Amino acid sequence: MREIEQRGLYFEEFEEGVRYLHRPGRTVTEADNVLFTTLTMNTQGLHLDAHWAAQQPFGERLVNSMFTLSTIVGASVTQLTLGTVVANLGFTEVQFPAPLRLGDTLYSETTVLGKRLSESRPGQGIVTLEHLGRRHDDEIVARAVRTTLVWTLEGRPE
């Protein structure tokens, strides 16, 4: 029987300018927001205190922006980096241009901005990715540029 193991992309398989749409989307619940916020010890009332948040400019609690960032990056893993990433090298840009609210559905997409072979690590390459999070109404709620170190086909561990 032929077997196929789900994995991400090796360096050679990434194409600059390609946009990957990660599905399904994720409808964010109150439980998601409260659990993530308390697990990360973020005591911001904007995420936890409905009465206080109702008196603030948005008029309601908002989803923790770190949950939004984690979700849009996490949604890309099975399609792009599962088992092929060596390391997450960092984020150079992170923006949250619009709020994500409880009950909104978050859709994630990733565009490959660039790639190059590593000069110091043979068998590995550096891939720069732009992650976008869009609400169900298509408004962008998060954007992050991330650099990753991935295996090449030749360098991959057996």
N, C-alpha and C. Protein backbone atom coordinates (compact mmCIF):
# COMPACT_ATOMS: atom_id res chain seq x y z
N MET A 1 0.85 -1.17 0.00
CA MET A 1 0.00 0.00 0.00
C MET A 1 0.90 1.24 0.00
N ARG A 2 0.59 2.20 -0.82
CA ARG A 2 1.32 3.46 -0.87
C ARG A 2 0.94 4.29 0.36
N GLU A 3 1.93 4.92 0.98
CA GLU A 3 1.67 5.76 2.15
C GLU A 3 2.10 7.18 1.85
N ILE A 4 1.32 8.13 2.33
CA ILE A 4 1.65 9.55 2.18
C ILE A 4 1.60 10.17 3.56
N GLU A 5 2.70 10.78 3.96
CA GLU A 5 2.75 11.46 5.24
C GLU A 5 2.58 12.95 5.01
N GLN A 6 1.65 13.55 5.72
CA GLN A 6 1.43 14.99 5.57
C GLN A 6 2.66 15.73 6.06
N ARG A 7 3.08 16.73 5.29
CA ARG A 7 4.26 17.51 5.65
C ARG A 7 4.16 18.89 5.03
N GLY A 8 5.05 19.76 5.47
CA GLY A 8 5.17 21.08 4.89
C GLY A 8 6.03 21.03 3.63
N LEU A 9 6.47 22.19 3.21
CA LEU A 9 7.26 22.31 1.99
C LEU A 9 8.75 22.39 2.31
N TYR A 10 9.55 21.75 1.46
CA TYR A 10 10.99 21.92 1.54
C TYR A 10 11.36 23.20 0.79
N PHE A 11 12.56 23.70 1.05
CA PHE A 11 13.00 24.97 0.49
C PHE A 11 12.71 25.10 -1.00
N GLU A 12 13.04 24.07 -1.77
CA GLU A 12 12.87 24.12 -3.22
C GLU A 12 11.40 24.22 -3.64
N GLU A 13 10.49 23.81 -2.78
CA GLU A 13 9.07 23.80 -3.12
C GLU A 13 8.37 25.14 -2.88
N PHE A 14 9.01 26.02 -2.13
CA PHE A 14 8.44 27.35 -1.92
C PHE A 14 8.64 28.18 -3.19
N GLU A 15 7.59 28.89 -3.61
CA GLU A 15 7.67 29.76 -4.79
C GLU A 15 7.36 31.19 -4.37
N GLU A 16 8.27 32.10 -4.71
CA GLU A 16 8.04 33.50 -4.38
C GLU A 16 6.78 33.99 -5.09
N GLY A 17 6.00 34.79 -4.37
CA GLY A 17 4.80 35.38 -4.93
C GLY A 17 3.57 34.49 -4.87
N VAL A 18 3.71 33.26 -4.38
CA VAL A 18 2.56 32.36 -4.27
C VAL A 18 1.84 32.65 -2.96
N ARG A 19 0.52 32.66 -3.02
CA ARG A 19 -0.30 32.89 -1.82
C ARG A 19 -1.04 31.60 -1.48
N TYR A 20 -0.89 31.16 -0.25
CA TYR A 20 -1.55 29.96 0.23
C TYR A 20 -2.72 30.37 1.11
N LEU A 21 -3.89 29.84 0.83
CA LEU A 21 -5.08 30.10 1.64
C LEU A 21 -5.25 28.92 2.59
N HIS A 22 -5.25 29.20 3.88
CA HIS A 22 -5.33 28.14 4.89
C HIS A 22 -6.78 27.99 5.33
N ARG A 23 -7.33 26.81 5.12
CA ARG A 23 -8.71 26.55 5.47
C ARG A 23 -8.79 25.28 6.30
N PRO A 24 -9.77 25.16 7.17
CA PRO A 24 -10.91 26.05 7.35
C PRO A 24 -10.53 27.29 8.15
N GLY A 25 -11.44 28.24 8.20
CA GLY A 25 -11.27 29.41 9.05
C GLY A 25 -11.54 29.02 10.50
N ARG A 26 -11.42 29.97 11.39
CA ARG A 26 -11.60 29.72 12.82
C ARG A 26 -12.52 30.77 13.40
N THR A 27 -13.71 30.34 13.82
CA THR A 27 -14.63 31.25 14.50
C THR A 27 -14.18 31.33 15.96
N VAL A 28 -13.90 32.54 16.41
CA VAL A 28 -13.32 32.74 17.74
C VAL A 28 -14.43 32.85 18.77
N THR A 29 -14.34 32.04 19.81
CA THR A 29 -15.34 32.02 20.87
C THR A 29 -14.84 32.77 22.11
N GLU A 30 -15.76 33.03 23.00
CA GLU A 30 -15.38 33.65 24.27
C GLU A 30 -14.42 32.75 25.03
N ALA A 31 -14.66 31.44 24.99
CA ALA A 31 -13.78 30.51 25.69
C ALA A 31 -12.35 30.59 25.14
N ASP A 32 -12.20 30.68 23.81
CA ASP A 32 -10.87 30.81 23.21
C ASP A 32 -10.15 32.03 23.79
N ASN A 33 -10.85 33.15 23.78
CA ASN A 33 -10.24 34.41 24.19
C ASN A 33 -9.88 34.41 25.68
N VAL A 34 -10.79 33.95 26.52
CA VAL A 34 -10.54 33.94 27.96
C VAL A 34 -9.42 32.96 28.30
N LEU A 35 -9.45 31.77 27.71
CA LEU A 35 -8.42 30.77 28.00
C LEU A 35 -7.04 31.26 27.56
N PHE A 36 -6.93 31.73 26.32
CA PHE A 36 -5.64 32.21 25.83
C PHE A 36 -5.14 33.38 26.68
N THR A 37 -6.02 34.31 26.98
CA THR A 37 -5.64 35.50 27.74
C THR A 37 -5.17 35.15 29.14
N THR A 38 -5.87 34.24 29.80
CA THR A 38 -5.47 33.87 31.17
C THR A 38 -4.25 32.95 31.17
N LEU A 39 -4.13 32.05 30.17
CA LEU A 39 -2.95 31.19 30.10
C LEU A 39 -1.67 32.01 29.91
N THR A 40 -1.77 33.11 29.19
CA THR A 40 -0.59 33.94 28.94
C THR A 40 -0.44 35.06 29.98
N MET A 41 -1.26 35.03 31.00
CA MET A 41 -1.22 35.96 32.13
C MET A 41 -1.41 37.42 31.70
N ASN A 42 -2.21 37.61 30.68
CA ASN A 42 -2.52 38.96 30.21
C ASN A 42 -3.79 39.41 30.94
N THR A 43 -3.66 40.37 31.80
CA THR A 43 -4.81 40.80 32.61
C THR A 43 -5.56 41.99 32.01
N GLN A 44 -5.33 42.25 30.74
CA GLN A 44 -5.97 43.40 30.09
C GLN A 44 -7.50 43.27 30.12
N GLY A 45 -8.15 44.28 30.73
CA GLY A 45 -9.61 44.29 30.82
C GLY A 45 -10.30 44.32 29.47
N LEU A 46 -9.61 44.79 28.45
CA LEU A 46 -10.18 44.82 27.11
C LEU A 46 -10.55 43.42 26.61
N HIS A 47 -9.91 42.39 27.18
CA HIS A 47 -10.18 41.01 26.79
C HIS A 47 -11.04 40.27 27.82
N LEU A 48 -11.03 40.73 29.07
CA LEU A 48 -11.64 39.96 30.16
C LEU A 48 -12.84 40.61 30.85
N ASP A 49 -12.93 41.92 30.83
CA ASP A 49 -13.92 42.64 31.63
C ASP A 49 -14.97 43.27 30.72
N ALA A 50 -16.10 42.59 30.56
CA ALA A 50 -17.14 43.05 29.63
C ALA A 50 -17.67 44.44 30.01
N HIS A 51 -17.87 44.68 31.31
CA HIS A 51 -18.40 45.97 31.75
C HIS A 51 -17.43 47.10 31.42
N TRP A 52 -16.15 46.92 31.77
CA TRP A 52 -15.15 47.94 31.50
C TRP A 52 -14.96 48.14 29.99
N ALA A 53 -14.86 47.05 29.25
CA ALA A 53 -14.65 47.13 27.80
C ALA A 53 -15.81 47.84 27.10
N ALA A 54 -17.02 47.69 27.62
CA ALA A 54 -18.20 48.35 27.02
C ALA A 54 -18.08 49.87 27.10
N GLN A 55 -17.28 50.37 28.03
CA GLN A 55 -17.11 51.81 28.19
C GLN A 55 -15.91 52.36 27.39
N GLN A 56 -15.21 51.49 26.71
CA GLN A 56 -14.04 51.86 25.91
C GLN A 56 -14.44 52.15 24.47
N PRO A 57 -13.55 52.69 23.65
CA PRO A 57 -13.90 53.12 22.30
C PRO A 57 -14.56 52.05 21.41
N PHE A 58 -14.20 50.78 21.55
CA PHE A 58 -14.82 49.76 20.70
C PHE A 58 -16.15 49.27 21.25
N GLY A 59 -16.45 49.60 22.53
CA GLY A 59 -17.75 49.28 23.11
C GLY A 59 -17.96 47.82 23.49
N GLU A 60 -16.94 47.00 23.41
CA GLU A 60 -17.06 45.58 23.76
C GLU A 60 -15.67 44.98 23.92
N ARG A 61 -15.64 43.75 24.46
CA ARG A 61 -14.36 43.05 24.56
C ARG A 61 -13.85 42.72 23.16
N LEU A 62 -12.54 42.73 23.02
CA LEU A 62 -11.89 42.36 21.76
C LEU A 62 -11.07 41.10 21.98
N VAL A 63 -10.84 40.39 20.88
CA VAL A 63 -10.00 39.19 20.95
C VAL A 63 -8.55 39.63 21.17
N ASN A 64 -7.87 38.92 22.02
CA ASN A 64 -6.47 39.16 22.33
C ASN A 64 -5.67 39.10 21.02
N SER A 65 -4.93 40.15 20.71
CA SER A 65 -4.20 40.21 19.44
C SER A 65 -3.13 39.14 19.33
N MET A 66 -2.59 38.68 20.45
CA MET A 66 -1.60 37.60 20.40
C MET A 66 -2.26 36.28 20.02
N PHE A 67 -3.53 36.09 20.40
CA PHE A 67 -4.29 34.93 19.93
C PHE A 67 -4.45 35.01 18.41
N THR A 68 -4.78 36.19 17.92
CA THR A 68 -4.94 36.38 16.48
C THR A 68 -3.65 36.05 15.75
N LEU A 69 -2.54 36.58 16.22
CA LEU A 69 -1.24 36.31 15.60
C LEU A 69 -0.91 34.82 15.65
N SER A 70 -1.07 34.21 16.80
CA SER A 70 -0.78 32.78 16.95
C SER A 70 -1.64 31.93 16.03
N THR A 71 -2.88 32.32 15.86
CA THR A 71 -3.80 31.55 15.03
C THR A 71 -3.45 31.65 13.56
N ILE A 72 -3.13 32.86 13.08
CA ILE A 72 -2.83 32.97 11.64
C ILE A 72 -1.52 32.26 11.30
N VAL A 73 -0.54 32.30 12.20
CA VAL A 73 0.71 31.57 11.96
C VAL A 73 0.45 30.07 12.10
N GLY A 74 -0.25 29.67 13.13
CA GLY A 74 -0.54 28.26 13.36
C GLY A 74 -1.32 27.62 12.22
N ALA A 75 -2.22 28.37 11.61
CA ALA A 75 -3.02 27.83 10.50
C ALA A 75 -2.16 27.49 9.29
N SER A 76 -0.97 28.06 9.21
CA SER A 76 -0.09 27.82 8.07
C SER A 76 0.78 26.57 8.22
N VAL A 77 0.90 26.06 9.42
CA VAL A 77 1.88 25.02 9.71
C VAL A 77 1.68 23.76 8.87
N THR A 78 0.49 23.19 8.86
CA THR A 78 0.32 21.91 8.15
C THR A 78 0.57 22.05 6.66
N GLN A 79 0.28 23.20 6.11
CA GLN A 79 0.44 23.40 4.67
C GLN A 79 1.86 23.80 4.29
N LEU A 80 2.58 24.47 5.18
CA LEU A 80 3.87 25.05 4.79
C LEU A 80 5.09 24.52 5.53
N THR A 81 5.01 24.28 6.83
CA THR A 81 6.24 24.01 7.58
C THR A 81 6.23 22.76 8.44
N LEU A 82 5.19 21.97 8.40
CA LEU A 82 5.09 20.78 9.24
C LEU A 82 6.21 19.79 8.91
N GLY A 83 7.13 19.60 9.84
CA GLY A 83 8.21 18.65 9.66
C GLY A 83 9.35 19.12 8.76
N THR A 84 9.23 20.31 8.18
CA THR A 84 10.27 20.81 7.29
C THR A 84 10.96 22.04 7.84
N VAL A 85 10.44 22.62 8.90
CA VAL A 85 11.05 23.80 9.49
C VAL A 85 12.19 23.38 10.43
N VAL A 86 13.26 24.15 10.39
CA VAL A 86 14.36 23.96 11.34
C VAL A 86 14.13 24.90 12.52
N ALA A 87 13.77 26.15 12.21
CA ALA A 87 13.57 27.14 13.27
C ALA A 87 12.76 28.32 12.75
N ASN A 88 12.05 28.93 13.67
CA ASN A 88 11.40 30.21 13.41
C ASN A 88 12.44 31.27 13.77
N LEU A 89 12.87 32.07 12.78
CA LEU A 89 13.95 33.03 13.03
C LEU A 89 13.47 34.35 13.58
N GLY A 90 12.21 34.70 13.32
CA GLY A 90 11.70 35.93 13.90
C GLY A 90 10.68 36.63 13.04
N PHE A 91 10.12 37.66 13.64
CA PHE A 91 9.13 38.50 12.98
C PHE A 91 9.73 39.89 12.80
N THR A 92 9.61 40.44 11.60
CA THR A 92 10.13 41.78 11.38
C THR A 92 9.01 42.82 11.41
N GLU A 93 7.80 42.39 11.18
CA GLU A 93 6.67 43.32 11.17
C GLU A 93 5.45 42.61 11.73
N VAL A 94 4.71 43.29 12.58
CA VAL A 94 3.44 42.78 13.09
C VAL A 94 2.50 43.98 13.21
N GLN A 95 1.35 43.89 12.59
CA GLN A 95 0.34 44.95 12.69
C GLN A 95 -1.04 44.35 12.91
N PHE A 96 -1.88 45.11 13.58
CA PHE A 96 -3.28 44.75 13.81
C PHE A 96 -4.14 45.93 13.37
N PRO A 97 -4.43 46.06 12.07
CA PRO A 97 -5.11 47.24 11.55
C PRO A 97 -6.60 47.35 11.89
N ALA A 98 -7.22 46.26 12.33
CA ALA A 98 -8.63 46.29 12.70
C ALA A 98 -8.85 45.25 13.79
N PRO A 99 -9.88 45.46 14.62
CA PRO A 99 -10.09 44.52 15.72
C PRO A 99 -10.75 43.22 15.26
N LEU A 100 -10.49 42.17 16.02
CA LEU A 100 -11.20 40.91 15.88
C LEU A 100 -12.09 40.79 17.10
N ARG A 101 -13.36 40.49 16.87
CA ARG A 101 -14.33 40.44 17.96
C ARG A 101 -14.77 39.00 18.22
N LEU A 102 -15.28 38.78 19.41
CA LEU A 102 -15.83 37.46 19.74
C LEU A 102 -16.92 37.13 18.73
N GLY A 103 -16.89 35.91 18.21
CA GLY A 103 -17.86 35.47 17.21
C GLY A 103 -17.42 35.69 15.77
N ASP A 104 -16.35 36.47 15.56
CA ASP A 104 -15.83 36.66 14.20
C ASP A 104 -15.14 35.38 13.73
N THR A 105 -15.16 35.16 12.43
CA THR A 105 -14.42 34.05 11.85
C THR A 105 -13.15 34.61 11.22
N LEU A 106 -12.03 34.00 11.57
CA LEU A 106 -10.72 34.42 11.13
C LEU A 106 -10.23 33.49 10.02
N TYR A 107 -9.86 34.06 8.89
CA TYR A 107 -9.28 33.30 7.78
C TYR A 107 -7.82 33.72 7.63
N SER A 108 -6.97 32.75 7.37
CA SER A 108 -5.53 33.00 7.29
C SER A 108 -5.01 32.71 5.90
N GLU A 109 -4.00 33.48 5.51
CA GLU A 109 -3.32 33.25 4.24
C GLU A 109 -1.86 33.63 4.39
N THR A 110 -1.02 33.02 3.57
CA THR A 110 0.41 33.28 3.62
C THR A 110 0.94 33.47 2.21
N THR A 111 1.75 34.51 2.02
CA THR A 111 2.41 34.74 0.74
C THR A 111 3.92 34.59 0.96
N VAL A 112 4.57 33.89 0.04
CA VAL A 112 6.02 33.73 0.10
C VAL A 112 6.65 34.99 -0.49
N LEU A 113 7.34 35.77 0.35
CA LEU A 113 7.95 37.02 -0.09
C LEU A 113 9.33 36.82 -0.69
N GLY A 114 10.05 35.83 -0.21
CA GLY A 114 11.40 35.61 -0.72
C GLY A 114 12.01 34.39 -0.10
N LYS A 115 13.12 33.94 -0.72
CA LYS A 115 13.84 32.81 -0.18
C LYS A 115 15.28 32.85 -0.68
N ARG A 116 16.17 32.27 0.13
CA ARG A 116 17.58 32.16 -0.27
C ARG A 116 18.19 31.01 0.52
N LEU A 117 19.19 30.39 -0.07
CA LEU A 117 19.91 29.35 0.64
C LEU A 117 20.70 29.98 1.79
N SER A 118 20.82 29.27 2.88
CA SER A 118 21.59 29.74 4.02
C SER A 118 23.07 29.70 3.66
N GLU A 119 23.78 30.76 4.00
CA GLU A 119 25.22 30.81 3.76
C GLU A 119 26.00 30.06 4.83
N SER A 120 25.43 29.95 6.03
CA SER A 120 26.16 29.35 7.15
C SER A 120 25.67 27.94 7.50
N ARG A 121 24.53 27.53 6.93
CA ARG A 121 23.96 26.23 7.29
C ARG A 121 23.64 25.43 6.03
N PRO A 122 24.60 24.67 5.53
CA PRO A 122 24.36 23.87 4.32
C PRO A 122 23.16 22.94 4.49
N GLY A 123 22.38 22.80 3.43
CA GLY A 123 21.20 21.93 3.49
C GLY A 123 19.98 22.62 4.05
N GLN A 124 20.08 23.93 4.27
CA GLN A 124 18.96 24.69 4.81
C GLN A 124 18.81 26.00 4.05
N GLY A 125 17.59 26.51 4.05
CA GLY A 125 17.32 27.77 3.37
C GLY A 125 16.45 28.67 4.22
N ILE A 126 16.49 29.95 3.92
CA ILE A 126 15.71 30.96 4.65
C ILE A 126 14.55 31.39 3.77
N VAL A 127 13.34 31.30 4.32
CA VAL A 127 12.13 31.67 3.60
C VAL A 127 11.42 32.77 4.38
N THR A 128 11.07 33.85 3.69
CA THR A 128 10.35 34.96 4.32
C THR A 128 8.89 34.88 3.90
N LEU A 129 8.01 34.90 4.89
CA LEU A 129 6.58 34.72 4.69
C LEU A 129 5.80 35.92 5.21
N GLU A 130 4.76 36.29 4.50
CA GLU A 130 3.82 37.29 5.01
C GLU A 130 2.53 36.57 5.35
N HIS A 131 2.15 36.64 6.63
CA HIS A 131 0.90 36.04 7.10
C HIS A 131 -0.15 37.13 7.23
N LEU A 132 -1.33 36.88 6.69
CA LEU A 132 -2.45 37.81 6.83
C LEU A 132 -3.61 37.09 7.51
N GLY A 133 -4.30 37.82 8.38
CA GLY A 133 -5.54 37.34 8.97
C GLY A 133 -6.66 38.25 8.51
N ARG A 134 -7.71 37.65 7.99
CA ARG A 134 -8.88 38.42 7.53
C ARG A 134 -10.12 37.95 8.27
N ARG A 135 -10.94 38.91 8.65
CA ARG A 135 -12.26 38.58 9.20
C ARG A 135 -13.13 38.03 8.08
N HIS A 136 -14.25 37.44 8.45
CA HIS A 136 -15.19 36.89 7.47
C HIS A 136 -15.70 37.94 6.49
N ASP A 137 -15.61 39.22 6.84
CA ASP A 137 -16.01 40.30 5.91
C ASP A 137 -14.85 40.75 5.03
N ASP A 138 -13.73 40.03 5.07
CA ASP A 138 -12.54 40.22 4.26
C ASP A 138 -11.63 41.36 4.76
N GLU A 139 -11.99 42.03 5.85
CA GLU A 139 -11.12 43.08 6.37
C GLU A 139 -9.89 42.45 7.05
N ILE A 140 -8.72 43.01 6.77
CA ILE A 140 -7.49 42.51 7.38
C ILE A 140 -7.45 42.93 8.85
N VAL A 141 -7.25 41.93 9.72
CA VAL A 141 -7.17 42.19 11.15
C VAL A 141 -5.77 41.96 11.70
N ALA A 142 -4.90 41.30 10.91
CA ALA A 142 -3.53 41.06 11.36
C ALA A 142 -2.64 40.84 10.15
N ARG A 143 -1.39 41.31 10.30
CA ARG A 143 -0.37 41.09 9.26
C ARG A 143 0.95 40.89 9.98
N ALA A 144 1.70 39.89 9.55
CA ALA A 144 3.01 39.64 10.14
C ALA A 144 3.96 39.12 9.08
N VAL A 145 5.19 39.62 9.10
CA VAL A 145 6.24 39.11 8.22
C VAL A 145 7.16 38.28 9.09
N ARG A 146 7.37 37.04 8.66
CA ARG A 146 8.12 36.07 9.47
C ARG A 146 9.22 35.43 8.63
N THR A 147 10.35 35.21 9.24
CA THR A 147 11.45 34.53 8.57
C THR A 147 11.63 33.16 9.22
N THR A 148 11.75 32.14 8.36
CA THR A 148 11.90 30.77 8.84
C THR A 148 13.14 30.14 8.21
N LEU A 149 13.68 29.17 8.91
CA LEU A 149 14.77 28.36 8.38
C LEU A 149 14.18 26.98 8.11
N VAL A 150 14.30 26.51 6.85
CA VAL A 150 13.71 25.23 6.47
C VAL A 150 14.77 24.34 5.82
N TRP A 151 14.50 23.05 5.85
CA TRP A 151 15.38 22.08 5.21
C TRP A 151 15.25 22.17 3.70
N THR A 152 16.36 21.90 3.01
CA THR A 152 16.31 21.68 1.57
C THR A 152 16.04 20.19 1.36
N LEU A 153 15.66 19.84 0.15
CA LEU A 153 15.42 18.43 -0.15
C LEU A 153 16.69 17.62 0.06
N GLU A 154 17.83 18.17 -0.34
CA GLU A 154 19.10 17.48 -0.20
C GLU A 154 19.56 17.39 1.26
N GLY A 155 19.23 18.41 2.04
CA GLY A 155 19.73 18.47 3.42
C GLY A 155 18.81 17.82 4.43
N ARG A 156 17.61 17.44 4.02
CA ARG A 156 16.62 16.93 4.98
C ARG A 156 17.13 15.71 5.74
N PRO A 157 16.75 15.64 7.01
CA PRO A 157 17.16 14.47 7.81
C PRO A 157 16.35 13.24 7.37
N GLU A 158 16.97 12.13 7.44
CA GLU A 158 16.29 10.87 7.04
C GLU A 158 15.45 10.31 8.15
